[in-house]
Amino acid sequence: MRMNRRRKERADCRSLKKGYYHLSTDGRWEGSLFYTKEQYAYGMCLIGILTLLFDIRIYSFTLMSNHVHIILSGTGSACLDAFDYLRRKISARLVKDGYPPLPEDYWFKLVPVDDPEQMKRDFIYVDRNPYEKHICVPGGYPWGTGYLHYSFVGDMLIGDRAGTLSGRELERRTGTRMSFPEHWQFHPQYGLLPASFIDNSLFTKLFRVPKEYLTNLVKDYESAVQVARSLDESPEYSEEETRDIVETLLQKYYANSSLSKLSPDKKGRLAVILKKEYDMPESIIAHSLGFSEHLVFQFLRSKDYGKR
């Protein structure tokens, strides 16, 4: 049954016309794609290699420990071939380094991006991922393109040009005997620098000033929820972000009243909003509203408040 479903998914993918897509690999499984800095650096090389082997363009990406996000353009068939190559190479590297291979059914989602507003949300989501997971500050993650946007970090981070490296040294750094464009830069710690191959024109067209980009990155929770839902993922919130969301809702629905002055009835309705509009876990809702998880659970399933 699973094999039949996978064959259908592959056929559906190959039927997709050329366009913009958000490719997100599986993340809910036991294990990781990258355990060491060397494996991350290898992953950076692989992303660049995809643009040489397949008829795709890459506009943004982030390598997380157990999944990968890529914004790209191409046909569904080209995107599928790129994923197959990426999965095969990452799995082989894991085995070489003494780690378990990827599961045979390791898969991905390919979501069409149909308009500029959706594309802006997806750019933000990809760059927000390591920040959302409490790994770094915005723009402080080396394993992707986030630090390239309106930042001097990309200018300061310089690697060795492929044209200056011997074939043996290139093979050592990339794990392949492929030929690379002479201007591509390989950093001894961070692998292939994304500025070598990323098409940045789409980002600069959508985000014309730094403040617009950064405000969306740290404040646009609603867009993060929309993209997460399209990928069957769940956003994560810090305590400060949760407080910010609650205060925004208090201003919107309860005339800027303080949380301590809300009746249990109004807090219950607020709990439902936090769950339905922000996919917030019951435990976080309970903590932010001063309720027990059991009470939040009851509110969410009450016919007067929640799902029924």
Protein backbone atom coordinates (compact mmCIF):
# COMPACT_ATOMS: atom_id res chain seq x y z
CA MET A 1 0.00 0.00 0.00
CA ARG A 2 2.78 2.42 0.96
CA MET A 3 4.71 1.63 -2.23
CA ASN A 4 1.62 2.28 -4.33
CA ARG A 5 1.09 5.62 -2.59
CA ARG A 6 4.72 6.58 -3.11
CA ARG A 7 4.55 5.71 -6.81
CA LYS A 8 1.50 7.93 -7.14
CA GLU A 9 3.25 10.75 -5.29
CA ARG A 10 6.24 10.49 -7.60
CA ALA A 11 3.98 10.50 -10.66
CA ASP A 12 2.07 13.52 -9.32
CA CYS A 13 5.36 15.30 -8.73
CA ARG A 14 6.62 14.64 -12.25
CA SER A 15 3.38 16.05 -13.68
CA LEU A 16 3.96 19.48 -12.14
CA LYS A 17 4.79 22.22 -14.62
CA LYS A 18 7.74 24.56 -14.37
CA GLY A 19 7.25 27.08 -11.59
CA TYR A 20 8.30 28.15 -8.12
CA TYR A 21 8.23 25.59 -5.29
CA HIS A 22 9.04 25.18 -1.62
CA LEU A 23 10.75 21.81 -1.13
CA SER A 24 10.78 20.53 2.44
CA THR A 25 12.21 17.13 3.36
CA ASP A 26 10.86 14.85 6.09
CA GLY A 27 11.66 15.96 9.61
CA ARG A 28 9.55 13.73 11.84
CA TRP A 29 11.72 10.64 12.17
CA GLU A 30 14.33 9.14 14.46
CA GLY A 31 17.73 10.40 13.36
CA SER A 32 19.45 13.32 11.68
CA LEU A 33 20.72 14.36 8.28
CA PHE A 34 23.70 16.17 9.74
CA TYR A 35 25.53 15.38 12.96
CA THR A 36 28.86 17.18 12.47
CA LYS A 37 30.10 20.46 10.99
CA GLU A 38 31.82 18.46 8.28
CA GLN A 39 28.50 16.90 7.28
CA TYR A 40 26.82 20.32 7.20
CA ALA A 41 29.65 21.63 5.01
CA TYR A 42 29.16 18.63 2.71
CA GLY A 43 25.45 19.42 2.60
CA MET A 44 26.22 22.99 1.50
CA CYS A 45 28.23 21.57 -1.41
CA LEU A 46 25.40 19.24 -2.35
CA ILE A 47 22.88 22.08 -2.58
CA GLY A 48 25.14 23.90 -5.04
CA ILE A 49 25.75 20.75 -7.05
CA LEU A 50 21.98 20.42 -7.56
CA THR A 51 22.05 23.59 -9.65
CA LEU A 52 24.72 22.06 -11.91
CA LEU A 53 23.13 18.65 -12.40
CA PHE A 54 19.46 19.60 -12.72
CA ASP A 55 17.51 22.31 -14.51
CA ILE A 56 16.61 24.24 -11.36
CA ARG A 57 17.38 27.57 -9.74
CA ILE A 58 17.72 27.95 -5.99
CA TYR A 59 16.72 31.20 -4.29
CA SER A 60 16.92 30.29 -0.62
CA PHE A 61 17.64 27.27 1.59
CA THR A 62 18.35 26.18 5.13
CA LEU A 63 19.95 22.95 6.32
CA MET A 64 18.52 21.91 9.69
CA SER A 65 19.77 18.89 11.61
CA ASN A 66 16.88 16.66 10.56
CA HIS A 67 15.35 18.37 7.53
CA VAL A 68 16.05 20.75 4.64
CA HIS A 69 14.10 23.68 3.21
CA ILE A 70 14.73 24.90 -0.35
CA ILE A 71 12.94 27.57 -2.38
CA LEU A 72 13.59 26.78 -6.02
CA SER A 73 12.18 26.91 -9.53
CA GLY A 74 11.96 24.17 -12.13
CA THR A 75 9.63 21.43 -13.26
CA GLY A 76 8.26 18.92 -10.77
CA SER A 77 10.35 16.27 -12.49
CA ALA A 78 13.57 18.27 -12.03
CA CYS A 79 12.72 18.93 -8.37
CA LEU A 80 12.08 15.23 -7.79
CA ASP A 81 15.39 14.26 -9.42
CA ALA A 82 17.18 16.86 -7.28
CA PHE A 83 15.60 15.46 -4.10
CA ASP A 84 16.51 11.88 -5.06
CA TYR A 85 20.14 12.91 -5.58
CA LEU A 86 20.25 14.86 -2.32
CA ARG A 87 18.73 11.99 -0.34
CA ARG A 88 21.08 9.42 -1.87
CA LYS A 89 24.21 11.47 -1.27
CA ILE A 90 23.33 12.45 2.31
CA SER A 91 22.51 8.83 3.15
CA ALA A 92 25.81 7.62 1.66
CA ARG A 93 27.75 10.21 3.66
CA LEU A 94 26.01 9.16 6.88
CA VAL A 95 26.97 5.52 6.29
CA LYS A 96 30.54 6.51 5.44
CA ASP A 97 30.79 8.40 8.75
CA GLY A 98 29.39 5.49 10.76
CA TYR A 99 25.80 6.69 11.17
CA PRO A 100 22.57 4.91 10.17
CA PRO A 101 21.39 5.61 6.60
CA LEU A 102 18.21 7.47 5.82
CA PRO A 103 15.03 5.36 5.89
CA GLU A 104 14.09 3.83 2.55
CA ASP A 105 10.83 5.78 2.58
CA TYR A 106 12.46 9.12 3.41
CA TRP A 107 10.39 11.66 1.50
CA PHE A 108 9.60 15.33 0.95
CA LYS A 109 6.83 17.80 0.20
CA LEU A 110 6.86 20.03 -2.86
CA VAL A 111 4.46 22.95 -2.43
CA PRO A 112 3.80 25.29 -5.40
CA VAL A 113 4.36 28.98 -4.64
CA ASP A 114 1.86 30.81 -6.79
CA ASP A 115 2.06 34.51 -5.94
CA PRO A 116 4.47 37.14 -4.55
CA GLU A 117 2.84 37.32 -1.11
CA GLN A 118 3.11 33.56 -0.68
CA MET A 119 6.73 33.72 -1.83
CA LYS A 120 7.50 36.40 0.77
CA ARG A 121 6.01 34.17 3.48
CA ASP A 122 8.10 31.22 2.31
CA PHE A 123 11.33 33.22 2.25
CA ILE A 124 10.66 34.34 5.81
CA TYR A 125 9.80 30.81 6.93
CA VAL A 126 13.00 29.32 5.52
CA ASP A 127 15.20 32.00 7.10
CA ARG A 128 13.23 31.91 10.36
CA ASN A 129 13.67 28.16 10.88
CA PRO A 130 16.96 28.15 12.85
CA TYR A 131 15.94 31.30 14.72
CA GLU A 132 12.57 29.75 15.60
CA LYS A 133 14.31 26.63 16.90
CA HIS A 134 16.37 28.83 19.29
CA ILE A 135 19.63 27.98 17.52
CA CYS A 136 20.76 31.49 16.64
CA VAL A 137 19.82 35.15 16.24
CA PRO A 138 18.26 36.23 12.91
CA GLY A 139 20.87 36.05 10.18
CA GLY A 140 23.33 34.20 12.41
CA TYR A 141 23.06 30.71 10.93
CA PRO A 142 25.87 29.58 8.59
CA TRP A 143 24.15 26.57 7.00
CA GLY A 144 21.88 28.38 4.56
CA THR A 145 21.18 31.71 2.90
CA GLY A 146 19.72 33.72 5.80
CA TYR A 147 22.95 35.58 6.50
CA LEU A 148 23.13 36.83 2.90
CA HIS A 149 20.09 39.08 3.15
CA TYR A 150 20.92 42.72 3.93
CA SER A 151 23.96 41.62 5.89
CA PHE A 152 27.69 42.25 5.63
CA VAL A 153 28.44 38.72 6.82
CA GLY A 154 28.27 37.37 3.28
CA ASP A 155 30.88 39.90 2.16
CA MET A 156 33.19 39.05 5.04
CA LEU A 157 32.94 35.28 4.65
CA ILE A 158 35.37 34.45 1.85
CA GLY A 159 36.44 31.07 0.54
CA ASP A 160 38.93 29.71 -1.97
CA ARG A 161 37.83 30.00 -5.56
CA ALA A 162 37.44 26.69 -7.36
CA GLY A 163 39.81 27.91 -10.08
CA THR A 164 42.64 28.19 -7.54
CA LEU A 165 42.21 24.70 -6.04
CA SER A 166 43.72 21.51 -7.38
CA GLY A 167 41.43 18.72 -8.53
CA ARG A 168 42.50 16.62 -5.56
CA GLU A 169 41.71 19.40 -3.09
CA LEU A 170 38.32 20.05 -4.69
CA GLU A 171 37.49 16.37 -4.46
CA ARG A 172 38.51 16.32 -0.80
CA ARG A 173 36.28 19.29 0.01
CA THR A 174 33.27 18.28 -2.06
CA GLY A 175 33.37 14.48 -2.12
CA THR A 176 33.09 14.44 -5.92
CA ARG A 177 35.31 14.71 -8.98
CA MET A 178 32.93 17.11 -10.70
CA SER A 179 34.15 20.28 -12.35
CA PHE A 180 32.92 23.50 -10.77
CA PRO A 181 32.62 27.08 -12.03
CA GLU A 182 35.92 28.81 -11.38
CA HIS A 183 34.29 31.63 -9.36
CA TRP A 184 32.59 29.31 -6.86
CA GLN A 185 34.06 29.73 -3.39
CA PHE A 186 34.73 26.88 -0.97
CA HIS A 187 35.27 27.75 2.68
CA PRO A 188 37.45 25.33 4.72
CA GLN A 189 34.80 25.15 7.49
CA TYR A 190 31.48 26.05 5.88
CA GLY A 191 31.78 24.27 2.54
CA LEU A 192 30.47 25.89 -0.64
CA LEU A 193 29.43 29.46 0.08
CA PRO A 194 25.82 29.99 -1.09
CA ALA A 195 26.63 33.35 -2.72
CA SER A 196 28.41 31.25 -5.38
CA PHE A 197 25.21 29.86 -6.84
CA ILE A 198 22.15 31.48 -5.23
CA ASP A 199 19.87 33.61 -7.43
CA ASN A 200 19.23 36.60 -5.17
CA SER A 201 17.16 38.61 -7.65
CA LEU A 202 13.82 37.27 -6.40
CA PHE A 203 14.52 38.16 -2.78
CA THR A 204 15.61 41.73 -3.54
CA LYS A 205 12.52 42.22 -5.68
CA LEU A 206 10.19 41.11 -2.87
CA PHE A 207 11.96 42.80 0.07
CA ARG A 208 13.11 46.25 -1.04
CA VAL A 209 14.32 47.51 2.35
CA PRO A 210 15.97 45.70 5.31
CA LYS A 211 13.37 46.80 7.86
CA GLU A 212 10.53 45.15 5.96
CA TYR A 213 12.42 41.86 5.85
CA LEU A 214 13.52 41.90 9.49
CA THR A 215 10.11 42.96 10.81
CA ASN A 216 8.49 40.06 8.99
CA LEU A 217 11.20 37.70 10.17
CA VAL A 218 10.64 38.29 13.88
CA LYS A 219 7.01 39.49 13.99
CA ASP A 220 4.93 37.85 11.27
CA TYR A 221 3.66 34.87 13.23
CA GLU A 222 0.55 34.45 11.08
CA SER A 223 2.57 33.88 7.91
CA ALA A 224 4.74 31.34 9.70
CA VAL A 225 1.62 29.41 10.64
CA GLN A 226 0.32 29.44 7.04
CA VAL A 227 3.55 28.06 5.60
CA ALA A 228 3.94 25.51 8.41
CA ARG A 229 0.46 24.18 7.71
CA SER A 230 1.20 23.81 3.99
CA LEU A 231 4.20 21.65 4.92
CA ASP A 232 2.47 19.67 7.69
CA GLU A 233 4.79 21.28 10.22
CA SER A 234 4.19 23.19 13.44
CA PRO A 235 5.70 26.57 14.34
CA GLU A 236 7.55 27.02 17.61
CA TYR A 237 7.25 30.04 19.89
CA SER A 238 9.48 31.45 22.57
CA GLU A 239 8.00 32.82 25.79
CA GLU A 240 8.53 36.37 24.51
CA GLU A 241 6.80 35.61 21.20
CA THR A 242 3.87 34.00 22.99
CA ARG A 243 3.53 37.06 25.20
CA ASP A 244 3.65 39.31 22.14
CA ILE A 245 0.91 37.31 20.40
CA VAL A 246 -1.33 37.37 23.50
CA GLU A 247 -0.89 41.13 23.88
CA THR A 248 -1.76 41.65 20.21
CA LEU A 249 -4.93 39.59 20.61
CA LEU A 250 -5.88 41.48 23.77
CA GLN A 251 -5.60 44.72 21.84
CA LYS A 252 -7.57 43.33 18.89
CA TYR A 253 -10.43 41.57 20.69
CA TYR A 254 -10.58 43.01 24.21
CA ALA A 255 -9.84 46.75 23.86
CA ASN A 256 -6.29 46.34 25.14
CA SER A 257 -7.50 44.96 28.46
CA SER A 258 -4.90 43.25 30.63
CA LEU A 259 -4.89 39.47 30.82
CA SER A 260 -5.45 39.54 34.60
CA LYS A 261 -8.76 41.37 34.13
CA LEU A 262 -10.24 38.87 31.67
CA SER A 263 -12.97 36.56 32.87
CA PRO A 264 -12.43 32.79 32.57
CA ASP A 265 -14.95 32.84 29.71
CA LYS A 266 -12.90 35.36 27.72
CA LYS A 267 -9.66 33.54 28.50
CA GLY A 268 -11.27 30.39 27.16
CA ARG A 269 -12.11 32.11 23.90
CA LEU A 270 -8.55 33.44 23.75
CA ALA A 271 -7.26 29.88 24.20
CA VAL A 272 -9.28 28.77 21.18
CA ILE A 273 -7.88 31.61 19.07
CA LEU A 274 -4.32 30.72 20.05
CA LYS A 275 -4.93 27.12 19.03
CA LYS A 276 -6.87 27.71 15.82
CA GLU A 277 -4.97 30.69 14.43
CA TYR A 278 -1.46 29.99 15.72
CA ASP A 279 -1.35 26.19 16.19
CA MET A 280 -0.06 26.81 19.68
CA PRO A 281 0.40 23.71 21.88
CA GLU A 282 -1.98 23.31 24.84
CA SER A 283 0.92 23.46 27.30
CA ILE A 284 2.07 26.85 25.97
CA ILE A 285 -1.49 28.17 25.95
CA ALA A 286 -2.00 27.06 29.54
CA HIS A 287 1.21 28.73 30.69
CA SER A 288 0.50 31.98 28.83
CA LEU A 289 -3.07 32.29 30.18
CA GLY A 290 -2.47 30.99 33.68
CA PHE A 291 -4.75 27.96 33.15
CA SER A 292 -4.17 24.27 33.72
CA GLU A 293 -3.63 22.15 30.60
CA HIS A 294 -6.74 20.17 31.53
CA LEU A 295 -8.85 23.33 31.51
CA VAL A 296 -7.41 24.43 28.17
CA PHE A 297 -8.16 20.97 26.79
CA GLN A 298 -11.79 21.33 27.92
CA PHE A 299 -12.15 24.78 26.37
CA LEU A 300 -10.76 23.60 23.02
CA ARG A 301 -13.24 20.74 22.86
CA SER A 302 -16.25 22.50 24.23
CA LYS A 303 -19.16 22.97 21.83
CA ASP A 304 -19.44 26.58 23.01
CA TYR A 305 -15.77 27.39 22.39
CA GLY A 306 -13.76 24.95 20.35
CA LYS A 307 -13.84 22.40 17.60
CA ARG A 308 -17.38 21.11 17.97
